[in-house]
Amino acid sequence: MAIDTPKAPAAALPKVKKSRGSERAPHQKRWATGVWNTIALAFAVVMGFPIYWMLLTTVKSGKDLLTQNPTFWPSHFDFSSYSVVFHDPNFIPDLGNTAIITLGAVVCGLIVGFLAAIGVARFRFRGRNFFIVSMLVVQMVPLLALVIPMFLVLKNIGLYDQLFGVIIAYLVFTIPYVVWTLRSFIVNIPMELDEAAMVDGCTRWGAFFRVVLPLTVPGLITTGVYCWIQAWNEFVIANTLLSSNNKQTSMVWLTSYSASPTHGADYGSQMAGALLVSLPVIILFVIFQKRVASGLTAGAVKG
């Protein structure tokens, strides 16, 4: 026979009072989100306006460019500035020279720097800490302080005014950056993974290609993209070590193009040239944007 338990009266049950803070929290959260979104939007407009003005200048006619009151939208689109740039006989060759120098500097820098980063991160040797600190110190030295020594060295060995000589000069700032950046990625890969691979029958090189290299791919992409940006936009070394007109880089071409009496007042073609020179870097960064973001976070997390 079931025994009915007496139920407590409703008045006897404790009442749960909602705090005013919990009632106001969603409203305050929405208000804070709106404020931060407004700040972010204003920041994006300020940072993006120069890019918009550059694009706008390339499609404006000469009348719109020289008007007293600037317009934020052209009366009609004029793409003649791009044809002027492409008809310049030095634009395409100099762009090709920049691609060759940048590709050579990035590939050589990644290969040498990656192997050096593995040696620093995986092996103990005398002078290891000094080597790590020296990689950081080299990055602090301004390139202007290295131009004259590099000029004298390359001239004595017969590599002055040669694309290969500029590639070697670019390794001065690409290799230290690669070593310092990739070292953090490799350190965060547990050495137990290498040991487990060698226990399963892999050699040290086999463990490197099957364990370390795949886990370091995000770091290699991130480092490679930033090295590409540095090498592509470099001006001082290329302007000093290359004297022939047919061996100039795109940055040197852009400077001379803007300073020439013929194109000095042609602001549309100047902006078109600057946009075309910057376009490969922009495309590369957009393609590897997710890889770069994942690489930055991977290097900051302890494995």
C-alpha atoms as a PDB file:
ATOM      1  CA  MET A   1       0.000   0.000   0.000  1.00  0.00           C
ATOM      2  CA  ALA A   2       1.543   3.274  -1.177  1.00  0.00           C
ATOM      3  CA  ILE A   3       2.059   5.940   1.381  1.00  0.00           C
ATOM      4  CA  ASP A   4       1.416   9.484   0.171  1.00  0.00           C
ATOM      5  CA  THR A   5       4.025  11.927   1.341  1.00  0.00           C
ATOM      6  CA  PRO A   6       2.662  15.298   2.312  1.00  0.00           C
ATOM      7  CA  LYS A   7       3.485  18.069  -0.128  1.00  0.00           C
ATOM      8  CA  ALA A   8       4.842  21.277   1.169  1.00  0.00           C
ATOM      9  CA  PRO A   9       2.622  24.274   0.604  1.00  0.00           C
ATOM     10  CA  ALA A  10       3.591  26.603  -2.170  1.00  0.00           C
ATOM     11  CA  ALA A  11       4.113  29.426   0.279  1.00  0.00           C
ATOM     12  CA  ALA A  12       6.715  27.361   2.142  1.00  0.00           C
ATOM     13  CA  LEU A  13       8.930  26.885  -0.948  1.00  0.00           C
ATOM     14  CA  PRO A  14      11.826  29.357  -1.173  1.00  0.00           C
ATOM     15  CA  LYS A  15      11.475  31.882  -3.935  1.00  0.00           C
ATOM     16  CA  VAL A  16      14.418  32.388  -6.237  1.00  0.00           C
ATOM     17  CA  LYS A  17      14.889  36.071  -6.852  1.00  0.00           C
ATOM     18  CA  LYS A  18      16.461  37.203 -10.083  1.00  0.00           C
ATOM     19  CA  SER A  19      19.259  39.628  -9.546  1.00  0.00           C
ATOM     20  CA  ARG A  20      19.172  42.918 -11.315  1.00  0.00           C
ATOM     21  CA  GLY A  21      22.629  42.188 -12.677  1.00  0.00           C
ATOM     22  CA  SER A  22      21.402  39.076 -14.515  1.00  0.00           C
ATOM     23  CA  GLU A  23      18.511  41.081 -15.996  1.00  0.00           C
ATOM     24  CA  ARG A  24      20.808  43.855 -17.189  1.00  0.00           C
ATOM     25  CA  ALA A  25      23.611  41.574 -18.418  1.00  0.00           C
ATOM     26  CA  PRO A  26      22.155  40.796 -21.881  1.00  0.00           C
ATOM     27  CA  HIS A  27      21.345  44.474 -22.460  1.00  0.00           C
ATOM     28  CA  GLN A  28      24.831  45.561 -21.375  1.00  0.00           C
ATOM     29  CA  LYS A  29      26.410  42.847 -23.535  1.00  0.00           C
ATOM     30  CA  ARG A  30      24.505  44.015 -26.606  1.00  0.00           C
ATOM     31  CA  TRP A  31      25.434  47.625 -25.855  1.00  0.00           C
ATOM     32  CA  ALA A  32      29.143  46.758 -25.481  1.00  0.00           C
ATOM     33  CA  THR A  33      29.067  44.687 -28.676  1.00  0.00           C
ATOM     34  CA  GLY A  34      27.528  47.604 -30.561  1.00  0.00           C
ATOM     35  CA  VAL A  35      30.183  49.991 -29.265  1.00  0.00           C
ATOM     36  CA  TRP A  36      33.045  47.683 -30.234  1.00  0.00           C
ATOM     37  CA  ASN A  37      31.523  47.038 -33.667  1.00  0.00           C
ATOM     38  CA  THR A  38      31.245  50.794 -34.243  1.00  0.00           C
ATOM     39  CA  ILE A  39      34.880  51.307 -33.233  1.00  0.00           C
ATOM     40  CA  ALA A  40      35.997  48.447 -35.488  1.00  0.00           C
ATOM     41  CA  LEU A  41      33.985  49.829 -38.399  1.00  0.00           C
ATOM     42  CA  ALA A  42      35.455  53.310 -37.934  1.00  0.00           C
ATOM     43  CA  PHE A  43      38.962  51.835 -37.752  1.00  0.00           C
ATOM     44  CA  ALA A  44      38.333  49.820 -40.935  1.00  0.00           C
ATOM     45  CA  VAL A  45      37.122  52.933 -42.760  1.00  0.00           C
ATOM     46  CA  VAL A  46      40.205  54.929 -41.704  1.00  0.00           C
ATOM     47  CA  MET A  47      42.596  52.137 -42.701  1.00  0.00           C
ATOM     48  CA  GLY A  48      40.790  51.307 -45.942  1.00  0.00           C
ATOM     49  CA  PHE A  49      40.317  54.854 -47.222  1.00  0.00           C
ATOM     50  CA  PRO A  50      43.888  55.198 -48.641  1.00  0.00           C
ATOM     51  CA  ILE A  51      43.399  51.963 -50.582  1.00  0.00           C
ATOM     52  CA  TYR A  52      40.056  53.206 -51.884  1.00  0.00           C
ATOM     53  CA  TRP A  53      41.626  56.538 -52.874  1.00  0.00           C
ATOM     54  CA  MET A  54      44.435  54.746 -54.706  1.00  0.00           C
ATOM     55  CA  LEU A  55      41.946  52.611 -56.642  1.00  0.00           C
ATOM     56  CA  LEU A  56      39.851  55.688 -57.350  1.00  0.00           C
ATOM     57  CA  THR A  57      42.834  57.627 -58.661  1.00  0.00           C
ATOM     58  CA  THR A  58      43.681  54.890 -61.165  1.00  0.00           C
ATOM     59  CA  VAL A  59      40.266  55.130 -62.866  1.00  0.00           C
ATOM     60  CA  LYS A  60      39.844  58.914 -62.791  1.00  0.00           C
ATOM     61  CA  SER A  61      40.357  61.073 -65.825  1.00  0.00           C
ATOM     62  CA  GLY A  62      42.959  63.841 -65.867  1.00  0.00           C
ATOM     63  CA  LYS A  63      40.237  66.456 -65.434  1.00  0.00           C
ATOM     64  CA  ASP A  64      38.902  64.798 -62.270  1.00  0.00           C
ATOM     65  CA  LEU A  65      42.414  64.375 -60.858  1.00  0.00           C
ATOM     66  CA  LEU A  66      43.365  68.022 -61.289  1.00  0.00           C
ATOM     67  CA  THR A  67      40.077  69.544 -60.173  1.00  0.00           C
ATOM     68  CA  GLN A  68      40.176  71.962 -57.246  1.00  0.00           C
ATOM     69  CA  ASN A  69      37.466  70.140 -55.293  1.00  0.00           C
ATOM     70  CA  PRO A  70      38.260  66.413 -54.978  1.00  0.00           C
ATOM     71  CA  THR A  71      35.478  64.002 -55.897  1.00  0.00           C
ATOM     72  CA  PHE A  72      34.910  60.687 -54.165  1.00  0.00           C
ATOM     73  CA  TRP A  73      33.464  59.086 -57.308  1.00  0.00           C
ATOM     74  CA  PRO A  74      34.674  59.659 -60.882  1.00  0.00           C
ATOM     75  CA  SER A  75      32.418  61.326 -63.421  1.00  0.00           C
ATOM     76  CA  HIS A  76      33.398  58.535 -65.822  1.00  0.00           C
ATOM     77  CA  PHE A  77      35.818  55.633 -65.560  1.00  0.00           C
ATOM     78  CA  ASP A  78      39.094  55.997 -67.424  1.00  0.00           C
ATOM     79  CA  PHE A  79      41.450  52.972 -67.537  1.00  0.00           C
ATOM     80  CA  SER A  80      44.106  54.608 -69.684  1.00  0.00           C
ATOM     81  CA  SER A  81      46.473  54.811 -66.687  1.00  0.00           C
ATOM     82  CA  TYR A  82      46.914  51.026 -66.755  1.00  0.00           C
ATOM     83  CA  SER A  83      47.703  51.023 -70.476  1.00  0.00           C
ATOM     84  CA  VAL A  84      50.342  53.727 -69.907  1.00  0.00           C
ATOM     85  CA  VAL A  85      52.022  51.553 -67.275  1.00  0.00           C
ATOM     86  CA  PHE A  86      51.939  48.392 -69.404  1.00  0.00           C
ATOM     87  CA  HIS A  87      53.385  50.281 -72.376  1.00  0.00           C
ATOM     88  CA  ASP A  88      56.413  51.255 -70.317  1.00  0.00           C
ATOM     89  CA  PRO A  89      59.254  49.043 -71.656  1.00  0.00           C
ATOM     90  CA  ASN A  90      60.804  48.466 -68.208  1.00  0.00           C
ATOM     91  CA  PHE A  91      57.685  47.523 -66.233  1.00  0.00           C
ATOM     92  CA  ILE A  92      57.321  43.834 -67.138  1.00  0.00           C
ATOM     93  CA  PRO A  93      61.102  43.034 -67.121  1.00  0.00           C
ATOM     94  CA  ASP A  94      61.577  44.719 -63.741  1.00  0.00           C
ATOM     95  CA  LEU A  95      58.564  42.874 -62.351  1.00  0.00           C
ATOM     96  CA  GLY A  96      60.128  39.620 -63.544  1.00  0.00           C
ATOM     97  CA  ASN A  97      63.448  40.521 -61.899  1.00  0.00           C
ATOM     98  CA  THR A  98      61.617  41.156 -58.633  1.00  0.00           C
ATOM     99  CA  ALA A  99      59.880  37.781 -58.851  1.00  0.00           C
ATOM    100  CA  ILE A 100      63.177  35.958 -59.497  1.00  0.00           C
ATOM    101  CA  ILE A 101      65.000  37.696 -56.639  1.00  0.00           C
ATOM    102  CA  THR A 102      62.127  37.280 -54.193  1.00  0.00           C
ATOM    103  CA  LEU A 103      61.538  33.618 -55.042  1.00  0.00           C
ATOM    104  CA  GLY A 104      65.238  32.822 -54.750  1.00  0.00           C
ATOM    105  CA  ALA A 105      65.589  34.655 -51.439  1.00  0.00           C
ATOM    106  CA  VAL A 106      62.497  33.014 -49.936  1.00  0.00           C
ATOM    107  CA  VAL A 107      63.343  29.471 -51.074  1.00  0.00           C
ATOM    108  CA  CYS A 108      67.004  29.652 -50.027  1.00  0.00           C
ATOM    109  CA  GLY A 109      66.088  31.399 -46.781  1.00  0.00           C
ATOM    110  CA  LEU A 110      63.482  28.768 -45.879  1.00  0.00           C
ATOM    111  CA  ILE A 111      65.775  25.833 -46.655  1.00  0.00           C
ATOM    112  CA  VAL A 112      68.816  27.140 -44.789  1.00  0.00           C
ATOM    113  CA  GLY A 113      66.827  28.740 -41.978  1.00  0.00           C
ATOM    114  CA  PHE A 114      64.611  25.676 -41.456  1.00  0.00           C
ATOM    115  CA  LEU A 115      67.595  23.342 -41.114  1.00  0.00           C
ATOM    116  CA  ALA A 116      69.295  25.805 -38.751  1.00  0.00           C
ATOM    117  CA  ALA A 117      66.091  26.119 -36.683  1.00  0.00           C
ATOM    118  CA  ILE A 118      65.918  22.319 -36.368  1.00  0.00           C
ATOM    119  CA  GLY A 119      69.522  22.179 -35.205  1.00  0.00           C
ATOM    120  CA  VAL A 120      68.925  24.902 -32.606  1.00  0.00           C
ATOM    121  CA  ALA A 121      65.626  23.431 -31.362  1.00  0.00           C
ATOM    122  CA  ARG A 122      66.528  19.726 -31.342  1.00  0.00           C
ATOM    123  CA  PHE A 123      70.244  19.542 -30.484  1.00  0.00           C
ATOM    124  CA  ARG A 124      72.401  20.797 -27.632  1.00  0.00           C
ATOM    125  CA  PHE A 125      75.789  22.224 -28.573  1.00  0.00           C
ATOM    126  CA  ARG A 126      78.273  24.755 -27.287  1.00  0.00           C
ATOM    127  CA  GLY A 127      77.338  28.314 -28.211  1.00  0.00           C
ATOM    128  CA  ARG A 128      73.681  27.456 -28.807  1.00  0.00           C
ATOM    129  CA  ASN A 129      72.291  30.289 -26.700  1.00  0.00           C
ATOM    130  CA  PHE A 130      74.738  32.750 -28.250  1.00  0.00           C
ATOM    131  CA  PHE A 131      73.587  31.679 -31.718  1.00  0.00           C
ATOM    132  CA  ILE A 132      69.924  32.198 -30.796  1.00  0.00           C
ATOM    133  CA  VAL A 133      70.616  35.666 -29.387  1.00  0.00           C
ATOM    134  CA  SER A 134      72.710  36.578 -32.440  1.00  0.00           C
ATOM    135  CA  MET A 135      69.742  35.774 -34.719  1.00  0.00           C
ATOM    136  CA  LEU A 136      67.691  38.298 -32.761  1.00  0.00           C
ATOM    137  CA  VAL A 137      70.462  40.905 -32.745  1.00  0.00           C
ATOM    138  CA  VAL A 138      70.959  40.656 -36.521  1.00  0.00           C
ATOM    139  CA  GLN A 139      67.286  41.507 -37.067  1.00  0.00           C
ATOM    140  CA  MET A 140      67.743  44.677 -35.017  1.00  0.00           C
ATOM    141  CA  VAL A 141      70.537  46.002 -37.239  1.00  0.00           C
ATOM    142  CA  PRO A 142      69.192  48.472 -39.846  1.00  0.00           C
ATOM    143  CA  LEU A 143      69.663  47.470 -43.471  1.00  0.00           C
ATOM    144  CA  LEU A 144      71.275  50.849 -44.183  1.00  0.00           C
ATOM    145  CA  ALA A 145      74.176  49.832 -41.922  1.00  0.00           C
ATOM    146  CA  LEU A 146      74.747  46.679 -43.999  1.00  0.00           C
ATOM    147  CA  VAL A 147      74.503  48.153 -47.489  1.00  0.00           C
ATOM    148  CA  ILE A 148      78.110  49.368 -47.805  1.00  0.00           C
ATOM    149  CA  PRO A 149      79.714  46.156 -46.416  1.00  0.00           C
ATOM    150  CA  MET A 150      77.543  44.033 -48.718  1.00  0.00           C
ATOM    151  CA  PHE A 151      78.401  46.290 -51.662  1.00  0.00           C
ATOM    152  CA  LEU A 152      82.148  45.876 -51.037  1.00  0.00           C
ATOM    153  CA  VAL A 153      81.924  42.109 -50.538  1.00  0.00           C
ATOM    154  CA  LEU A 154      79.802  41.453 -53.616  1.00  0.00           C
ATOM    155  CA  LYS A 155      81.956  43.726 -55.752  1.00  0.00           C
ATOM    156  CA  ASN A 156      85.132  41.898 -54.701  1.00  0.00           C
ATOM    157  CA  ILE A 157      83.682  38.475 -55.554  1.00  0.00           C
ATOM    158  CA  GLY A 158      82.213  39.631 -58.874  1.00  0.00           C
ATOM    159  CA  LEU A 159      78.509  39.525 -57.917  1.00  0.00           C
ATOM    160  CA  TYR A 160      77.827  43.249 -58.053  1.00  0.00           C
ATOM    161  CA  ASP A 161      75.003  44.161 -60.470  1.00  0.00           C
ATOM    162  CA  GLN A 162      73.890  40.511 -60.549  1.00  0.00           C
ATOM    163  CA  LEU A 163      70.506  39.142 -59.511  1.00  0.00           C
ATOM    164  CA  PHE A 164      72.186  36.266 -57.681  1.00  0.00           C
ATOM    165  CA  GLY A 165      74.198  38.776 -55.645  1.00  0.00           C
ATOM    166  CA  VAL A 166      70.994  40.504 -54.528  1.00  0.00           C
ATOM    167  CA  ILE A 167      69.523  37.129 -53.559  1.00  0.00           C
ATOM    168  CA  ILE A 168      72.552  36.487 -51.338  1.00  0.00           C
ATOM    169  CA  ALA A 169      72.183  39.969 -49.848  1.00  0.00           C
ATOM    170  CA  TYR A 170      68.504  39.331 -49.077  1.00  0.00           C
ATOM    171  CA  LEU A 171      69.475  36.213 -47.129  1.00  0.00           C
ATOM    172  CA  VAL A 172      70.977  38.549 -44.535  1.00  0.00           C
ATOM    173  CA  PHE A 173      67.496  39.447 -43.273  1.00  0.00           C
ATOM    174  CA  THR A 174      65.475  36.381 -44.373  1.00  0.00           C
ATOM    175  CA  ILE A 175      67.553  33.642 -42.702  1.00  0.00           C
ATOM    176  CA  PRO A 176      67.630  35.192 -39.183  1.00  0.00           C
ATOM    177  CA  TYR A 177      63.878  35.789 -39.363  1.00  0.00           C
ATOM    178  CA  VAL A 178      63.240  32.196 -40.488  1.00  0.00           C
ATOM    179  CA  VAL A 179      65.472  30.725 -37.777  1.00  0.00           C
ATOM    180  CA  TRP A 180      63.957  32.822 -35.001  1.00  0.00           C
ATOM    181  CA  THR A 181      60.355  32.178 -36.099  1.00  0.00           C
ATOM    182  CA  LEU A 182      60.532  28.476 -36.972  1.00  0.00           C
ATOM    183  CA  ARG A 183      62.442  27.664 -33.797  1.00  0.00           C
ATOM    184  CA  SER A 184      59.290  28.385 -31.769  1.00  0.00           C
ATOM    185  CA  PHE A 185      57.270  26.008 -33.972  1.00  0.00           C
ATOM    186  CA  ILE A 186      59.800  23.179 -33.703  1.00  0.00           C
ATOM    187  CA  VAL A 187      60.259  23.576 -29.948  1.00  0.00           C
ATOM    188  CA  ASN A 188      56.503  23.106 -29.493  1.00  0.00           C
ATOM    189  CA  ILE A 189      56.658  19.709 -31.258  1.00  0.00           C
ATOM    190  CA  PRO A 190      57.328  17.085 -28.542  1.00  0.00           C
ATOM    191  CA  MET A 191      60.555  15.135 -29.048  1.00  0.00           C
ATOM    192  CA  GLU A 192      58.681  11.999 -27.975  1.00  0.00           C
ATOM    193  CA  LEU A 193      57.092  11.953 -31.438  1.00  0.00           C
ATOM    194  CA  ASP A 194      60.529  11.728 -33.056  1.00  0.00           C
ATOM    195  CA  GLU A 195      61.577   8.995 -30.640  1.00  0.00           C
ATOM    196  CA  ALA A 196      58.368   7.037 -31.238  1.00  0.00           C
ATOM    197  CA  ALA A 197      58.900   7.215 -34.998  1.00  0.00           C
ATOM    198  CA  MET A 198      62.480   5.968 -34.647  1.00  0.00           C
ATOM    199  CA  VAL A 199      61.324   3.166 -32.359  1.00  0.00           C
ATOM    200  CA  ASP A 200      58.880   2.114 -35.095  1.00  0.00           C
ATOM    201  CA  GLY A 201      61.774   1.791 -37.539  1.00  0.00           C
ATOM    202  CA  CYS A 202      62.250   5.274 -38.981  1.00  0.00           C
ATOM    203  CA  THR A 203      65.665   6.791 -39.327  1.00  0.00           C
ATOM    204  CA  ARG A 204      66.302  10.307 -38.070  1.00  0.00           C
ATOM    205  CA  TRP A 205      65.661  11.661 -41.569  1.00  0.00           C
ATOM    206  CA  GLY A 206      62.541   9.498 -41.816  1.00  0.00           C
ATOM    207  CA  ALA A 207      61.250  10.934 -38.536  1.00  0.00           C
ATOM    208  CA  PHE A 208      62.008  14.395 -39.855  1.00  0.00           C
ATOM    209  CA  PHE A 209      60.047  13.946 -43.099  1.00  0.00           C
ATOM    210  CA  ARG A 210      57.146  12.052 -41.495  1.00  0.00           C
ATOM    211  CA  VAL A 211      56.757  13.882 -38.177  1.00  0.00           C
ATOM    212  CA  VAL A 212      58.536  17.236 -37.931  1.00  0.00           C
ATOM    213  CA  LEU A 213      58.035  18.500 -41.471  1.00  0.00           C
ATOM    214  CA  PRO A 214      54.227  17.945 -41.686  1.00  0.00           C
ATOM    215  CA  LEU A 215      53.702  19.578 -38.280  1.00  0.00           C
ATOM    216  CA  THR A 216      55.808  22.579 -39.286  1.00  0.00           C
ATOM    217  CA  VAL A 217      53.999  23.281 -42.574  1.00  0.00           C
ATOM    218  CA  PRO A 218      51.811  26.086 -41.072  1.00  0.00           C
ATOM    219  CA  GLY A 219      54.936  27.749 -39.711  1.00  0.00           C
ATOM    220  CA  LEU A 220      56.750  27.402 -43.037  1.00  0.00           C
ATOM    221  CA  ILE A 221      53.843  29.019 -44.886  1.00  0.00           C
ATOM    222  CA  THR A 222      53.558  31.860 -42.373  1.00  0.00           C
ATOM    223  CA  THR A 223      57.287  32.536 -42.410  1.00  0.00           C
ATOM    224  CA  GLY A 224      57.469  32.247 -46.193  1.00  0.00           C
ATOM    225  CA  VAL A 225      54.681  34.764 -46.727  1.00  0.00           C
ATOM    226  CA  TYR A 226      56.296  37.364 -44.475  1.00  0.00           C
ATOM    227  CA  CYS A 227      59.718  36.779 -46.058  1.00  0.00           C
ATOM    228  CA  TRP A 228      58.103  37.246 -49.478  1.00  0.00           C
ATOM    229  CA  ILE A 229      56.591  40.566 -48.375  1.00  0.00           C
ATOM    230  CA  GLN A 230      59.939  41.791 -47.009  1.00  0.00           C
ATOM    231  CA  ALA A 231      61.893  40.778 -50.112  1.00  0.00           C
ATOM    232  CA  TRP A 232      59.283  42.057 -52.579  1.00  0.00           C
ATOM    233  CA  ASN A 233      59.043  45.499 -50.963  1.00  0.00           C
ATOM    234  CA  GLU A 234      62.789  45.967 -50.389  1.00  0.00           C
ATOM    235  CA  PHE A 235      64.264  49.027 -52.098  1.00  0.00           C
ATOM    236  CA  VAL A 236      67.577  50.150 -50.561  1.00  0.00           C
ATOM    237  CA  ILE A 237      69.661  47.019 -51.260  1.00  0.00           C
ATOM    238  CA  ALA A 238      68.282  46.552 -54.776  1.00  0.00           C
ATOM    239  CA  ASN A 239      68.864  50.204 -55.636  1.00  0.00           C
ATOM    240  CA  THR A 240      72.470  50.017 -54.381  1.00  0.00           C
ATOM    241  CA  LEU A 241      73.556  46.635 -55.755  1.00  0.00           C
ATOM    242  CA  LEU A 242      71.895  46.845 -59.190  1.00  0.00           C
ATOM    243  CA  SER A 243      73.055  49.521 -61.606  1.00  0.00           C
ATOM    244  CA  SER A 244      71.925  48.213 -65.009  1.00  0.00           C
ATOM    245  CA  ASN A 245      68.549  49.366 -66.275  1.00  0.00           C
ATOM    246  CA  ASN A 246      67.569  45.865 -67.357  1.00  0.00           C
ATOM    247  CA  LYS A 247      68.245  44.421 -63.878  1.00  0.00           C
ATOM    248  CA  GLN A 248      66.211  46.794 -61.728  1.00  0.00           C
ATOM    249  CA  THR A 249      63.433  45.629 -59.414  1.00  0.00           C
ATOM    250  CA  SER A 250      59.849  46.860 -59.478  1.00  0.00           C
ATOM    251  CA  MET A 251      60.357  49.083 -56.424  1.00  0.00           C
ATOM    252  CA  VAL A 252      63.299  50.826 -58.084  1.00  0.00           C
ATOM    253  CA  TRP A 253      61.244  51.135 -61.276  1.00  0.00           C
ATOM    254  CA  LEU A 254      58.344  52.674 -59.354  1.00  0.00           C
ATOM    255  CA  THR A 255      60.584  55.272 -57.732  1.00  0.00           C
ATOM    256  CA  SER A 256      62.244  56.257 -61.000  1.00  0.00           C
ATOM    257  CA  TYR A 257      58.885  56.221 -62.800  1.00  0.00           C
ATOM    258  CA  SER A 258      57.328  58.605 -60.290  1.00  0.00           C
ATOM    259  CA  ALA A 259      60.349  60.924 -60.384  1.00  0.00           C
ATOM    260  CA  SER A 260      60.641  61.077 -64.181  1.00  0.00           C
ATOM    261  CA  PRO A 261      59.677  64.380 -65.841  1.00  0.00           C
ATOM    262  CA  THR A 262      57.345  62.557 -68.241  1.00  0.00           C
ATOM    263  CA  HIS A 263      55.215  60.817 -65.607  1.00  0.00           C
ATOM    264  CA  GLY A 264      55.830  63.119 -62.653  1.00  0.00           C
ATOM    265  CA  ALA A 265      52.440  64.829 -62.979  1.00  0.00           C
ATOM    266  CA  ASP A 266      50.565  61.732 -64.152  1.00  0.00           C
ATOM    267  CA  TYR A 267      49.112  60.731 -60.795  1.00  0.00           C
ATOM    268  CA  GLY A 268      46.804  58.158 -62.343  1.00  0.00           C
ATOM    269  CA  SER A 269      49.616  56.110 -63.892  1.00  0.00           C
ATOM    270  CA  GLN A 270      51.685  56.436 -60.707  1.00  0.00           C
ATOM    271  CA  MET A 271      48.866  54.962 -58.641  1.00  0.00           C
ATOM    272  CA  ALA A 272      48.239  52.299 -61.271  1.00  0.00           C
ATOM    273  CA  GLY A 273      51.895  51.312 -61.159  1.00  0.00           C
ATOM    274  CA  ALA A 274      51.883  51.186 -57.360  1.00  0.00           C
ATOM    275  CA  LEU A 275      48.749  49.029 -57.403  1.00  0.00           C
ATOM    276  CA  LEU A 276      50.143  46.610 -59.996  1.00  0.00           C
ATOM    277  CA  VAL A 277      53.414  46.297 -58.098  1.00  0.00           C
ATOM    278  CA  SER A 278      51.572  45.584 -54.826  1.00  0.00           C
ATOM    279  CA  LEU A 279      49.033  43.223 -56.394  1.00  0.00           C
ATOM    280  CA  PRO A 280      51.163  40.009 -56.224  1.00  0.00           C
ATOM    281  CA  VAL A 281      51.744  40.503 -52.496  1.00  0.00           C
ATOM    282  CA  ILE A 282      48.037  41.168 -51.898  1.00  0.00           C
ATOM    283  CA  ILE A 283      47.000  38.077 -53.862  1.00  0.00           C
ATOM    284  CA  LEU A 284      49.551  35.911 -52.045  1.00  0.00           C
ATOM    285  CA  PHE A 285      48.376  37.116 -48.638  1.00  0.00           C
ATOM    286  CA  VAL A 286      44.699  36.572 -49.507  1.00  0.00           C
ATOM    287  CA  ILE A 287      45.391  33.018 -50.722  1.00  0.00           C
ATOM    288  CA  PHE A 288      47.327  32.015 -47.601  1.00  0.00           C
ATOM    289  CA  GLN A 289      45.377  34.127 -45.115  1.00  0.00           C
ATOM    290  CA  LYS A 290      43.929  31.159 -43.232  1.00  0.00           C
ATOM    291  CA  ARG A 291      47.268  29.369 -43.259  1.00  0.00           C
ATOM    292  CA  VAL A 292      49.008  32.449 -41.895  1.00  0.00           C
ATOM    293  CA  ALA A 293      46.442  32.842 -39.101  1.00  0.00           C
ATOM    294  CA  SER A 294      46.679  29.158 -38.129  1.00  0.00           C
ATOM    295  CA  GLY A 295      50.460  29.332 -38.269  1.00  0.00           C
ATOM    296  CA  LEU A 296      50.600  32.313 -35.926  1.00  0.00           C
ATOM    297  CA  THR A 297      48.388  30.580 -33.367  1.00  0.00           C
ATOM    298  CA  ALA A 298      50.215  27.252 -33.754  1.00  0.00           C
ATOM    299  CA  GLY A 299      53.523  28.894 -32.927  1.00  0.00           C
ATOM    300  CA  ALA A 300      52.095  30.411 -29.754  1.00  0.00           C
ATOM    301  CA  VAL A 301      50.596  27.211 -28.261  1.00  0.00           C
ATOM    302  CA  LYS A 302      52.679  24.749 -26.337  1.00  0.00           C
ATOM    303  CA  GLY A 303      52.473  21.278 -27.953  1.00  0.00           C
END
